[in-house]
Amino acid sequence: MAASTHTVTNQPPPLVGHDVFTSDRVLAEAVDRHTAPELIDGVREELTLLGRSAGSAQAQEWGFQANENPPRLRTHDRYGHRIDEVEFHPAWHRLLGKAVSAGLTDAWGRPAGHVRRAAGFLVWSQVEAGHGCPVSMTHAAVPALRADPALAAEWEPRLTSHLYEQELRPAPLKPGALFGMGMTEKQGGSDVRANTTSAVPLGADGEYLLTGHKWFCSAPMSDGFLVLAQAPDGLTCFLVPRVLADGTRNVFAIQRLKDKLGNRSNASSEVEFDGTWARRVGEECRGVRTIIEMVAATRLDCTIGSAALMRQAVTQAVHHAAHRSAFGGELIDKPLMRNVLADMALESEAASTLAMRLAAAYDNDTDEERAFLRLAVPAAKYWVTKRATPVVAEALECLGGNGYVEESGMPRLLRESPLNSIWEGSGNVQALDVLRALQREPSALNAFLQEVGKARGGDHRLDRAMKDLLGELADLEGIEARARRVVERIALVLQGSLLVRWAPPEVADAFCASRLGGDRGSAFGTLPHTLDLATVVDRARVEA
């Protein structure tokens, strides 16, 4: 055996064995803020248990295993029978089972359900993001199913169950069920009204046979799917079960799995329907209106998921800088590195604070909060998801060459980071949706202005940004071409107002100076040197 050539020193220890929830001051404060006092102890205990699991070496290994062993499609069994099954690595099922048992599909019927569920989703998604897809769609299917009280009574207890079973069998025989969604087709993409999948009524009321395809159908091993198809009176929402009540497989022909940039643990498929049995959800010709509540909930999950990616990336960067020495001292104490870390930490804190405020609005469930969500959800989805990629890329760079190596986990975060900006409507779709809300629903703008107005007088740069935004909204000339600019300002003003109200003064000051006052460059690490950046970075630090 050769003698040792050197001693390994100055390498940061692995970031394992910590509580992902309680070590996240921003998230823990948000949960305290938005949870009733009589519930907070139970909610904290629940999230602390999940946070400890998320920070464990075992859970992190599951994340690596699920991505290193992507799902495989089996169209036929050994005898030639069509089965259309997707095989997942056991780690996928462990991750998904933990998410379900932690209540991440159970928000709609329990006190503080959306806040505790959003916080849990933000925590557990940091372990591995791909399995969050079926978790999100199952959670989001509940309000859509409520368009048909009979269907909701049958399916909602299954979707909100804390028990996970991976086998395909009739849903009534399972202790819990997962849902997927199929909206887009080859010829239309986000323009779902161009869908050609047809739905022919059967003799029984509400039953149809579908013929057509879906171009993107993720989590195809789910128990049921909400899909859009053209019924005699127009585009309609349908429930398609994978297994029929008599135990036979519904026609659900999986053509292939997508070879994606990231999100590789999750199966995204192309499927075809050929006499596929379906149950109508809501009325004919009201498909978009029926499924839109599901879309809104998944859009919020895209925001939460991106906040989770940013939080994990920033956590890794700060941890590395705190345990790595160079040029005579720890990196975290170097003024330029501190500036970079603080700049990223601002993005992460603003994203988490906004995501949790939106979750709380779902729990509050008043007319004013619903109007606020109508504008704030697409604006947040547009902006927060777009910030994920630059934040993750910069965080990766903080680790140097080590960050570019798969073992660090940073490349997986980077590949995942563009996804939430694409799914559930890409940037232009979100921006145009905000314009529709502004033009057709005056109550949405009023609710937004009331929300940001609660911070008026707290920072002069925020006040000026509010005034400038009103000027933008008053000028309708070329509004569609300016949609992204307008929505960006809406999101930044909203984030700034929340930080002025709830974040430490050092954080709010840095955010308003750089994001609203324009005192920064185009790259991260260009904050004004006069700010208290050490305090900003310290809030993002985790001690394992």
Protein backbone atom coordinates (compact mmCIF):
# COMPACT_ATOMS: atom_id res chain seq x y z
CA MET A 1 0.00 0.00 0.00
CA ALA A 2 1.45 3.36 -1.00
CA ALA A 3 2.26 5.89 1.67
CA SER A 4 -0.07 8.84 2.05
CA THR A 5 0.88 11.72 -0.23
CA HIS A 6 -0.92 14.43 1.74
CA THR A 7 -3.32 15.28 4.54
CA VAL A 8 -6.86 16.38 3.62
CA THR A 9 -7.59 19.69 5.32
CA ASN A 10 -9.70 22.79 4.82
CA GLN A 11 -12.68 20.89 3.39
CA PRO A 12 -16.12 21.82 4.78
CA PRO A 13 -17.86 19.02 6.68
CA PRO A 14 -20.99 17.51 5.10
CA LEU A 15 -24.14 19.44 5.91
CA VAL A 16 -26.05 16.59 7.53
CA GLY A 17 -27.69 15.90 10.86
CA HIS A 18 -29.48 19.22 11.19
CA ASP A 19 -33.12 20.32 11.41
CA VAL A 20 -34.00 21.92 8.06
CA PHE A 21 -37.06 23.63 9.55
CA THR A 22 -35.91 25.17 12.81
CA SER A 23 -32.53 26.16 11.34
CA ASP A 24 -34.40 28.24 8.73
CA ARG A 25 -35.17 31.38 10.71
CA VAL A 26 -37.17 32.96 7.90
CA LEU A 27 -39.46 29.96 7.53
CA ALA A 28 -39.87 29.35 11.25
CA GLU A 29 -40.79 33.02 11.77
CA ALA A 30 -43.32 32.84 8.95
CA VAL A 31 -44.99 29.78 10.47
CA ASP A 32 -45.22 31.54 13.84
CA ARG A 33 -46.63 34.65 12.14
CA HIS A 34 -49.34 32.90 10.17
CA THR A 35 -50.44 30.23 12.65
CA ALA A 36 -52.98 30.76 15.41
CA PRO A 37 -51.44 30.66 18.93
CA GLU A 38 -53.53 27.68 19.99
CA LEU A 39 -52.15 25.64 17.08
CA ILE A 40 -48.53 26.71 16.96
CA ASP A 41 -47.02 24.14 19.33
CA GLY A 42 -48.46 21.23 17.37
CA VAL A 43 -47.48 22.72 14.03
CA ARG A 44 -43.92 23.39 15.20
CA GLU A 45 -43.57 19.83 16.49
CA GLU A 46 -44.85 18.41 13.20
CA LEU A 47 -42.48 20.53 11.11
CA THR A 48 -39.52 19.90 13.41
CA LEU A 49 -39.89 16.14 12.96
CA LEU A 50 -40.00 16.60 9.20
CA GLY A 51 -37.06 19.01 9.34
CA ARG A 52 -34.91 16.49 11.19
CA SER A 53 -35.76 13.84 8.62
CA ALA A 54 -34.93 16.25 5.78
CA GLY A 55 -31.52 16.99 7.28
CA SER A 56 -30.60 13.36 7.85
CA ALA A 57 -27.96 11.50 5.88
CA GLN A 58 -30.52 8.83 5.04
CA ALA A 59 -32.94 11.23 3.36
CA GLN A 60 -30.14 12.90 1.42
CA GLU A 61 -29.03 9.48 0.17
CA TRP A 62 -32.61 8.78 -1.00
CA GLY A 63 -32.44 11.98 -3.03
CA PHE A 64 -29.25 10.93 -4.77
CA GLN A 65 -30.50 7.39 -5.37
CA ALA A 66 -33.81 8.52 -6.88
CA ASN A 67 -32.00 10.72 -9.40
CA GLU A 68 -29.15 8.35 -10.21
CA ASN A 69 -31.71 5.61 -10.96
CA PRO A 70 -34.41 7.30 -13.08
CA PRO A 71 -37.77 5.63 -13.76
CA ARG A 72 -38.14 3.01 -16.51
CA LEU A 73 -41.16 2.40 -18.73
CA ARG A 74 -42.52 -1.13 -19.14
CA THR A 75 -45.19 -1.09 -21.84
CA HIS A 76 -45.70 -4.89 -21.81
CA ASP A 77 -45.20 -7.79 -19.46
CA ARG A 78 -43.12 -10.84 -20.32
CA TYR A 79 -46.07 -12.46 -22.09
CA GLY A 80 -46.83 -9.50 -24.33
CA HIS A 81 -49.75 -8.07 -22.37
CA ARG A 82 -49.97 -4.30 -22.38
CA ILE A 83 -49.39 -3.02 -18.82
CA ASP A 84 -48.12 0.58 -19.20
CA GLU A 85 -46.24 0.68 -15.92
CA VAL A 86 -43.33 2.80 -14.78
CA GLU A 87 -40.79 1.34 -12.39
CA PHE A 88 -39.19 3.62 -9.79
CA HIS A 89 -36.20 3.08 -7.55
CA PRO A 90 -37.20 2.23 -3.94
CA ALA A 91 -35.81 5.61 -2.84
CA TRP A 92 -38.55 7.34 -4.84
CA HIS A 93 -41.21 5.48 -2.91
CA ARG A 94 -39.53 6.25 0.40
CA LEU A 95 -39.45 9.97 -0.43
CA LEU A 96 -43.04 9.96 -1.63
CA GLY A 97 -44.23 7.91 1.33
CA LYS A 98 -42.60 10.34 3.76
CA ALA A 99 -44.20 13.31 2.00
CA VAL A 100 -47.66 11.76 2.18
CA SER A 101 -47.29 10.64 5.81
CA ALA A 102 -46.18 14.18 6.71
CA GLY A 103 -49.48 15.58 5.41
CA LEU A 104 -48.11 17.29 2.31
CA THR A 105 -51.30 16.38 0.42
CA ASP A 106 -53.57 17.34 3.31
CA ALA A 107 -54.15 21.09 3.45
CA TRP A 108 -57.77 21.79 2.62
CA GLY A 109 -59.58 20.43 5.66
CA ARG A 110 -57.45 21.03 8.74
CA PRO A 111 -56.67 24.18 10.75
CA ALA A 112 -53.72 26.17 9.37
CA GLY A 113 -53.60 23.47 6.73
CA HIS A 114 -52.05 25.53 3.96
CA VAL A 115 -49.39 27.19 6.12
CA ARG A 116 -48.22 23.95 7.72
CA ARG A 117 -48.38 22.13 4.39
CA ALA A 118 -46.49 24.90 2.49
CA ALA A 119 -43.78 24.98 5.15
CA GLY A 120 -43.49 21.19 5.01
CA PHE A 121 -43.33 21.25 1.22
CA LEU A 122 -40.56 23.87 1.35
CA VAL A 123 -38.62 21.75 3.86
CA TRP A 124 -39.01 18.34 2.24
CA SER A 125 -38.48 19.58 -1.34
CA GLN A 126 -34.93 20.48 -0.34
CA VAL A 127 -34.18 16.77 -0.06
CA GLU A 128 -35.32 16.00 -3.62
CA ALA A 129 -37.60 17.98 -5.88
CA GLY A 130 -38.90 15.45 -8.41
CA HIS A 131 -41.28 13.56 -6.14
CA GLY A 132 -42.90 16.88 -5.27
CA CYS A 133 -44.74 16.71 -8.61
CA PRO A 134 -47.33 14.05 -7.65
CA VAL A 135 -47.49 15.52 -4.15
CA SER A 136 -48.36 18.92 -5.59
CA MET A 137 -50.92 17.64 -8.10
CA THR A 138 -52.65 15.49 -5.48
CA HIS A 139 -52.93 18.45 -3.14
CA ALA A 140 -54.14 20.74 -5.93
CA ALA A 141 -56.78 18.36 -7.30
CA VAL A 142 -59.04 18.80 -4.26
CA PRO A 143 -60.61 22.19 -5.16
CA ALA A 144 -61.20 21.09 -8.75
CA LEU A 145 -63.01 17.94 -7.64
CA ARG A 146 -65.26 20.03 -5.41
CA ALA A 147 -66.99 21.20 -8.59
CA ASP A 148 -68.75 17.82 -8.34
CA PRO A 149 -69.77 17.16 -4.71
CA ALA A 150 -70.26 13.43 -5.30
CA LEU A 151 -66.79 13.02 -6.78
CA ALA A 152 -65.28 15.13 -4.00
CA ALA A 153 -66.97 13.00 -1.33
CA GLU A 154 -65.56 9.87 -2.95
CA TRP A 155 -62.01 11.02 -3.74
CA GLU A 156 -61.07 13.75 -1.27
CA PRO A 157 -60.55 11.40 1.72
CA ARG A 158 -58.17 9.35 -0.43
CA LEU A 159 -56.20 12.35 -1.67
CA THR A 160 -55.79 13.83 1.80
CA SER A 161 -54.87 10.51 3.41
CA HIS A 162 -51.52 10.20 5.17
CA LEU A 163 -51.03 6.66 3.85
CA TYR A 164 -49.14 5.86 0.65
CA GLU A 165 -49.48 2.69 -1.37
CA GLN A 166 -47.53 2.36 -4.61
CA GLU A 167 -49.45 -0.48 -6.26
CA LEU A 168 -51.94 0.10 -9.07
CA ARG A 169 -55.34 -1.23 -8.01
CA PRO A 170 -58.90 0.11 -7.71
CA ALA A 171 -58.82 3.33 -5.70
CA PRO A 172 -61.65 2.26 -3.34
CA LEU A 173 -59.41 -0.58 -2.14
CA LYS A 174 -56.44 1.68 -1.34
CA PRO A 175 -55.86 3.59 1.90
CA GLY A 176 -54.79 6.66 -0.06
CA ALA A 177 -54.48 7.85 -3.64
CA LEU A 178 -52.37 10.19 -5.76
CA PHE A 179 -53.49 12.37 -8.64
CA GLY A 180 -51.91 13.67 -11.82
CA MET A 181 -52.99 16.12 -14.50
CA GLY A 182 -53.07 16.12 -18.31
CA MET A 183 -53.79 19.38 -20.07
CA THR A 184 -51.37 20.09 -22.91
CA GLU A 185 -51.24 18.49 -26.35
CA LYS A 186 -48.73 18.59 -29.18
CA GLN A 187 -50.51 21.19 -31.28
CA GLY A 188 -51.45 23.65 -28.56
CA GLY A 189 -49.19 23.56 -25.54
CA SER A 190 -50.43 26.21 -23.11
CA ASP A 191 -53.26 27.06 -25.52
CA VAL A 192 -55.48 24.29 -24.16
CA ARG A 193 -58.50 25.48 -26.11
CA ALA A 194 -56.72 24.06 -29.16
CA ASN A 195 -56.97 20.57 -27.65
CA THR A 196 -58.37 17.89 -29.97
CA THR A 197 -58.86 14.99 -27.53
CA SER A 198 -62.54 14.10 -27.84
CA ALA A 199 -65.04 12.96 -25.21
CA VAL A 200 -68.09 10.96 -26.31
CA PRO A 201 -70.93 10.62 -23.76
CA LEU A 202 -72.04 7.16 -22.66
CA GLY A 203 -75.51 6.19 -21.52
CA ALA A 204 -74.75 6.71 -17.83
CA ASP A 205 -74.85 10.31 -16.66
CA GLY A 206 -71.40 11.91 -16.49
CA GLU A 207 -69.57 8.99 -18.12
CA TYR A 208 -67.56 9.42 -21.34
CA LEU A 209 -65.03 7.70 -23.54
CA LEU A 210 -61.93 9.71 -24.47
CA THR A 211 -59.86 9.48 -27.64
CA GLY A 212 -56.70 11.50 -28.13
CA HIS A 213 -53.41 12.22 -26.39
CA LYS A 214 -51.55 14.29 -23.83
CA TRP A 215 -48.05 15.54 -24.61
CA PHE A 216 -46.94 16.01 -20.99
CA CYS A 217 -48.38 13.79 -18.28
CA SER A 218 -46.18 13.56 -15.22
CA ALA A 219 -46.36 10.92 -12.49
CA PRO A 220 -48.19 8.45 -14.76
CA MET A 221 -48.43 5.83 -12.00
CA SER A 222 -50.89 8.01 -10.10
CA ASP A 223 -54.34 6.61 -9.33
CA GLY A 224 -56.28 9.26 -11.21
CA PHE A 225 -55.83 12.22 -13.52
CA LEU A 226 -57.70 15.40 -14.25
CA VAL A 227 -57.63 15.98 -18.01
CA LEU A 228 -59.20 18.36 -20.52
CA ALA A 229 -61.05 17.08 -23.57
CA GLN A 230 -63.59 18.34 -26.11
CA ALA A 231 -67.11 17.23 -25.15
CA PRO A 232 -70.12 17.94 -27.43
CA ASP A 233 -70.60 21.39 -25.84
CA GLY A 234 -66.90 22.31 -25.62
CA LEU A 235 -63.74 21.91 -23.55
CA THR A 236 -64.51 19.98 -20.37
CA CYS A 237 -62.68 18.59 -17.34
CA PHE A 238 -62.66 14.84 -16.74
CA LEU A 239 -61.41 12.39 -14.12
CA VAL A 240 -59.51 9.46 -15.66
CA PRO A 241 -58.74 6.58 -13.23
CA ARG A 242 -55.80 4.31 -14.01
CA VAL A 243 -57.68 1.25 -12.72
CA LEU A 244 -61.43 0.79 -13.14
CA ALA A 245 -63.76 -0.29 -10.35
CA ASP A 246 -63.80 -3.92 -11.56
CA GLY A 247 -60.02 -4.13 -11.35
CA THR A 248 -59.28 -3.89 -15.07
CA ARG A 249 -56.78 -1.33 -16.36
CA ASN A 250 -58.21 1.75 -18.03
CA VAL A 251 -56.82 2.49 -21.50
CA PHE A 252 -53.82 4.67 -20.67
CA ALA A 253 -51.14 3.95 -23.26
CA ILE A 254 -47.80 5.40 -22.20
CA GLN A 255 -45.84 6.04 -25.40
CA ARG A 256 -42.54 7.08 -23.86
CA LEU A 257 -40.94 8.93 -20.96
CA LYS A 258 -39.43 12.35 -21.52
CA ASP A 259 -35.64 12.62 -21.36
CA LYS A 260 -35.54 15.82 -19.32
CA LEU A 261 -32.78 18.25 -18.38
CA GLY A 262 -33.50 17.76 -14.68
CA ASN A 263 -36.31 16.45 -12.48
CA ARG A 264 -34.99 13.06 -13.48
CA SER A 265 -36.41 11.09 -10.57
CA ASN A 266 -39.92 11.95 -11.77
CA ALA A 267 -41.50 10.28 -14.80
CA SER A 268 -43.01 12.67 -17.33
CA SER A 269 -44.78 10.80 -20.09
CA GLU A 270 -46.64 11.03 -23.37
CA VAL A 271 -49.95 9.16 -23.17
CA GLU A 272 -52.71 8.20 -25.58
CA PHE A 273 -56.41 7.57 -24.91
CA ASP A 274 -58.37 5.15 -27.09
CA GLY A 275 -61.82 4.54 -25.65
CA THR A 276 -60.57 5.56 -22.21
CA TRP A 277 -63.31 5.69 -19.58
CA ALA A 278 -63.70 9.04 -17.81
CA ARG A 279 -66.05 10.82 -15.45
CA ARG A 280 -67.01 14.43 -16.12
CA VAL A 281 -65.99 16.97 -13.47
CA GLY A 282 -68.20 20.07 -13.52
CA GLU A 283 -70.28 21.12 -16.50
CA GLU A 284 -69.48 20.69 -20.16
CA CYS A 285 -67.72 23.65 -21.77
CA ARG A 286 -66.43 24.83 -18.39
CA GLY A 287 -63.24 22.78 -18.35
CA VAL A 288 -60.80 25.65 -17.86
CA ARG A 289 -62.93 27.22 -15.15
CA THR A 290 -63.19 23.85 -13.38
CA ILE A 291 -59.50 23.02 -13.45
CA ILE A 292 -58.23 26.57 -12.84
CA GLU A 293 -58.28 26.16 -9.05
CA MET A 294 -55.98 23.18 -9.44
CA VAL A 295 -53.71 25.23 -11.69
CA ALA A 296 -53.60 28.09 -9.17
CA ALA A 297 -52.60 25.72 -6.36
CA THR A 298 -49.86 24.11 -8.44
CA ARG A 299 -48.60 27.55 -9.44
CA LEU A 300 -48.19 28.39 -5.77
CA ASP A 301 -46.31 25.12 -5.36
CA CYS A 302 -43.99 26.16 -8.19
CA THR A 303 -43.27 29.28 -6.14
CA ILE A 304 -42.70 27.25 -2.97
CA GLY A 305 -40.56 24.75 -4.85
CA SER A 306 -38.33 27.48 -6.24
CA ALA A 307 -38.06 29.03 -2.78
CA ALA A 308 -36.92 25.60 -1.55
CA LEU A 309 -34.29 25.34 -4.29
CA MET A 310 -32.94 28.78 -3.46
CA ARG A 311 -32.93 28.07 0.25
CA GLN A 312 -30.99 24.84 -0.22
CA ALA A 313 -28.52 26.44 -2.63
CA VAL A 314 -27.88 29.42 -0.36
CA THR A 315 -27.57 27.15 2.67
CA GLN A 316 -24.90 25.11 0.93
CA ALA A 317 -23.01 28.21 -0.20
CA VAL A 318 -23.04 29.81 3.27
CA HIS A 319 -22.04 26.52 4.90
CA HIS A 320 -19.12 26.15 2.51
CA ALA A 321 -17.95 29.72 3.05
CA ALA A 322 -18.21 29.34 6.83
CA HIS A 323 -15.90 26.30 6.84
CA ARG A 324 -13.46 27.15 4.06
CA SER A 325 -10.38 29.31 4.58
CA ALA A 326 -8.53 31.20 1.85
CA PHE A 327 -6.15 34.13 1.71
CA GLY A 328 -5.73 34.33 5.45
CA GLY A 329 -9.26 33.85 6.75
CA GLU A 330 -12.64 32.20 6.42
CA LEU A 331 -14.41 32.96 3.17
CA ILE A 332 -17.57 34.07 4.95
CA ASP A 333 -15.64 36.94 6.54
CA LYS A 334 -14.22 38.22 3.26
CA PRO A 335 -16.10 41.41 2.31
CA LEU A 336 -16.67 40.45 -1.31
CA MET A 337 -17.84 36.91 -0.54
CA ARG A 338 -20.10 38.30 2.18
CA ASN A 339 -21.63 40.62 -0.40
CA VAL A 340 -22.34 37.70 -2.74
CA LEU A 341 -23.85 35.57 0.02
CA ALA A 342 -25.99 38.43 1.32
CA ASP A 343 -27.30 39.20 -2.16
CA MET A 344 -28.42 35.60 -2.63
CA ALA A 345 -29.81 35.42 0.89
CA LEU A 346 -32.04 38.40 0.13
CA GLU A 347 -33.56 36.56 -2.84
CA SER A 348 -34.12 33.47 -0.74
CA GLU A 349 -35.71 35.31 2.18
CA ALA A 350 -37.97 37.38 -0.08
CA ALA A 351 -39.12 34.23 -1.91
CA SER A 352 -39.90 32.27 1.26
CA THR A 353 -41.66 35.21 2.90
CA LEU A 354 -43.88 35.75 -0.14
CA ALA A 355 -44.68 32.05 -0.57
CA MET A 356 -45.77 31.71 3.05
CA ARG A 357 -47.91 34.85 2.85
CA LEU A 358 -49.77 33.35 -0.11
CA ALA A 359 -50.28 30.07 1.75
CA ALA A 360 -51.72 32.01 4.67
CA ALA A 361 -54.16 33.72 2.30
CA TYR A 362 -55.55 30.30 1.39
CA ASP A 363 -56.10 29.57 5.08
CA ASN A 364 -57.76 32.94 5.72
CA ASP A 365 -60.17 32.31 2.80
CA THR A 366 -61.99 35.65 2.71
CA ASP A 367 -63.24 37.51 -0.36
CA GLU A 368 -60.36 39.96 0.03
CA GLU A 369 -57.76 37.20 0.31
CA ARG A 370 -59.15 35.36 -2.70
CA ALA A 371 -58.95 38.57 -4.72
CA PHE A 372 -55.39 39.10 -3.50
CA LEU A 373 -54.41 35.57 -4.58
CA ARG A 374 -55.87 36.11 -8.03
CA LEU A 375 -53.17 38.70 -8.76
CA ALA A 376 -50.40 37.67 -6.38
CA VAL A 377 -50.12 33.99 -7.32
CA PRO A 378 -49.29 34.44 -11.03
CA ALA A 379 -47.05 37.42 -10.19
CA ALA A 380 -45.15 35.40 -7.59
CA LYS A 381 -44.97 32.37 -9.84
CA TYR A 382 -43.54 34.52 -12.63
CA TRP A 383 -40.88 36.24 -10.56
CA VAL A 384 -39.78 33.76 -7.89
CA THR A 385 -39.37 30.87 -10.33
CA LYS A 386 -37.26 33.06 -12.62
CA ARG A 387 -34.92 34.00 -9.78
CA ALA A 388 -34.12 30.39 -8.94
CA THR A 389 -31.69 29.68 -11.78
CA PRO A 390 -29.37 32.69 -11.27
CA VAL A 391 -29.36 32.14 -7.51
CA VAL A 392 -28.52 28.45 -7.79
CA ALA A 393 -25.84 29.12 -10.41
CA GLU A 394 -24.18 31.74 -8.21
CA ALA A 395 -24.38 29.49 -5.15
CA LEU A 396 -22.73 26.70 -7.13
CA GLU A 397 -19.90 29.05 -8.04
CA CYS A 398 -19.35 29.82 -4.36
CA LEU A 399 -18.22 26.21 -3.93
CA GLY A 400 -15.74 26.60 -6.78
CA GLY A 401 -14.84 23.44 -8.66
CA ASN A 402 -16.36 21.32 -5.89
CA GLY A 403 -19.75 22.79 -6.73
CA TYR A 404 -19.45 21.67 -10.35
CA VAL A 405 -19.06 18.05 -9.26
CA GLU A 406 -22.16 15.84 -9.02
CA GLU A 407 -21.32 14.64 -5.51
CA SER A 408 -21.93 18.14 -4.16
CA GLY A 409 -25.59 18.04 -5.15
CA MET A 410 -25.33 21.50 -6.69
CA PRO A 411 -25.54 20.35 -10.34
CA ARG A 412 -28.85 18.62 -9.55
CA LEU A 413 -30.20 21.84 -8.08
CA LEU A 414 -29.06 23.76 -11.15
CA ARG A 415 -30.72 21.34 -13.58
CA GLU A 416 -33.92 21.54 -11.56
CA SER A 417 -33.96 25.32 -11.26
CA PRO A 418 -35.55 26.30 -14.64
CA LEU A 419 -38.40 23.82 -14.31
CA ASN A 420 -40.88 25.70 -12.14
CA SER A 421 -40.74 28.66 -14.49
CA ILE A 422 -41.94 26.40 -17.32
CA TRP A 423 -44.48 24.11 -15.66
CA GLU A 424 -48.03 25.32 -15.01
CA GLY A 425 -47.59 28.12 -17.55
CA SER A 426 -44.30 29.71 -18.53
CA GLY A 427 -43.32 33.33 -17.97
CA ASN A 428 -45.42 34.92 -20.69
CA VAL A 429 -48.48 32.93 -19.64
CA GLN A 430 -48.13 34.17 -16.07
CA ALA A 431 -47.56 37.77 -17.13
CA LEU A 432 -50.60 37.78 -19.39
CA ASP A 433 -52.67 36.19 -16.64
CA VAL A 434 -51.76 39.07 -14.35
CA LEU A 435 -52.91 41.50 -17.06
CA ARG A 436 -56.24 39.66 -17.32
CA ALA A 437 -56.71 39.98 -13.57
CA LEU A 438 -55.93 43.70 -13.71
CA GLN A 439 -58.32 44.31 -16.60
CA ARG A 440 -61.24 42.06 -15.62
CA GLU A 441 -61.16 41.87 -11.83
CA PRO A 442 -60.76 45.30 -10.18
CA SER A 443 -61.04 43.69 -6.75
CA ALA A 444 -57.71 41.90 -7.36
CA LEU A 445 -55.82 45.16 -7.81
CA ASN A 446 -57.61 46.72 -4.84
CA ALA A 447 -56.64 43.77 -2.64
CA PHE A 448 -53.02 44.00 -3.80
CA LEU A 449 -52.85 47.73 -3.10
CA GLN A 450 -54.34 47.22 0.35
CA GLU A 451 -51.72 44.57 1.08
CA VAL A 452 -48.69 46.60 0.02
CA GLY A 453 -50.22 49.72 1.54
CA LYS A 454 -49.78 48.20 5.00
CA ALA A 455 -46.05 48.96 4.67
CA ARG A 456 -46.50 52.54 3.42
CA GLY A 457 -44.17 54.91 5.25
CA GLY A 458 -41.83 52.10 6.31
CA ASP A 459 -39.20 52.82 3.66
CA HIS A 460 -38.94 55.75 1.28
CA ARG A 461 -37.71 53.56 -1.59
CA LEU A 462 -40.72 51.27 -1.22
CA ASP A 463 -43.05 54.27 -1.18
CA ARG A 464 -41.49 55.57 -4.39
CA ALA A 465 -41.70 52.14 -6.01
CA MET A 466 -45.41 51.94 -5.15
CA LYS A 467 -45.97 55.32 -6.78
CA ASP A 468 -44.02 54.33 -9.89
CA LEU A 469 -45.98 51.09 -10.16
CA LEU A 470 -49.29 52.95 -10.08
CA GLY A 471 -47.98 55.08 -12.92
CA GLU A 472 -47.14 51.95 -14.91
CA LEU A 473 -50.62 50.55 -14.32
CA ALA A 474 -52.32 53.78 -15.31
CA ASP A 475 -50.60 53.79 -18.71
CA LEU A 476 -52.25 51.15 -20.93
CA GLU A 477 -50.22 52.03 -24.03
CA GLY A 478 -48.43 48.90 -25.17
CA ILE A 479 -49.36 47.12 -21.93
CA GLU A 480 -49.00 43.61 -23.37
CA ALA A 481 -45.45 44.23 -24.55
CA ARG A 482 -44.66 45.67 -21.11
CA ALA A 483 -46.32 42.81 -19.22
CA ARG A 484 -43.13 41.26 -17.89
CA ARG A 485 -41.84 44.62 -16.71
CA VAL A 486 -45.12 45.37 -14.94
CA VAL A 487 -45.36 41.94 -13.28
CA GLU A 488 -41.75 42.10 -12.12
CA ARG A 489 -42.47 45.41 -10.41
CA ILE A 490 -45.64 44.03 -8.84
CA ALA A 491 -43.70 41.10 -7.38
CA LEU A 492 -40.81 43.24 -6.12
CA VAL A 493 -43.09 45.79 -4.50
CA LEU A 494 -45.02 42.99 -2.81
CA GLN A 495 -41.84 41.31 -1.57
CA GLY A 496 -40.46 44.64 -0.38
CA SER A 497 -43.64 45.46 1.52
CA LEU A 498 -43.61 42.10 3.32
CA LEU A 499 -39.96 42.45 4.30
CA VAL A 500 -40.48 46.00 5.55
CA ARG A 501 -43.28 44.73 7.77
CA TRP A 502 -41.75 41.50 9.03
CA ALA A 503 -38.02 41.11 8.35
CA PRO A 504 -35.20 42.57 10.48
CA PRO A 505 -34.40 46.17 9.50
CA GLU A 506 -31.05 45.13 8.02
CA VAL A 507 -32.77 42.76 5.58
CA ALA A 508 -35.52 45.18 4.59
CA ASP A 509 -32.99 47.98 4.12
CA ALA A 510 -30.78 45.86 1.86
CA PHE A 511 -33.72 44.63 -0.21
CA CYS A 512 -35.24 48.08 -0.70
CA ALA A 513 -31.87 49.66 -1.51
CA SER A 514 -30.97 47.06 -4.13
CA ARG A 515 -34.26 45.77 -5.57
CA LEU A 516 -36.40 48.92 -5.32
CA GLY A 517 -33.84 51.72 -5.07
CA GLY A 518 -31.67 50.41 -7.89
CA ASP A 519 -28.43 50.60 -5.87
CA ARG A 520 -26.79 47.44 -7.22
CA GLY A 521 -25.15 46.06 -10.33
CA SER A 522 -26.35 43.34 -12.67
CA ALA A 523 -24.51 40.46 -10.96
CA PHE A 524 -24.79 39.10 -7.44
CA GLY A 525 -22.36 40.61 -4.98
CA THR A 526 -22.92 44.23 -5.98
CA LEU A 527 -24.87 45.44 -2.94
CA PRO A 528 -23.89 48.79 -1.40
CA HIS A 529 -20.93 48.19 0.92
CA THR A 530 -22.46 50.43 3.59
CA LEU A 531 -25.25 47.93 4.36
CA ASP A 532 -25.12 45.55 7.32
CA LEU A 533 -24.47 42.47 5.19
CA ALA A 534 -23.14 40.30 8.01
CA THR A 535 -26.58 40.26 9.65
CA VAL A 536 -28.22 39.27 6.38
CA VAL A 537 -25.82 36.37 5.89
CA ASP A 538 -26.07 35.23 9.50
CA ARG A 539 -29.83 34.68 9.11
CA ALA A 540 -29.14 32.20 6.30
CA ARG A 541 -26.49 30.24 8.19
CA VAL A 542 -27.08 26.68 9.39
CA GLU A 543 -25.10 25.00 12.14
CA ALA A 544 -25.07 21.23 11.62
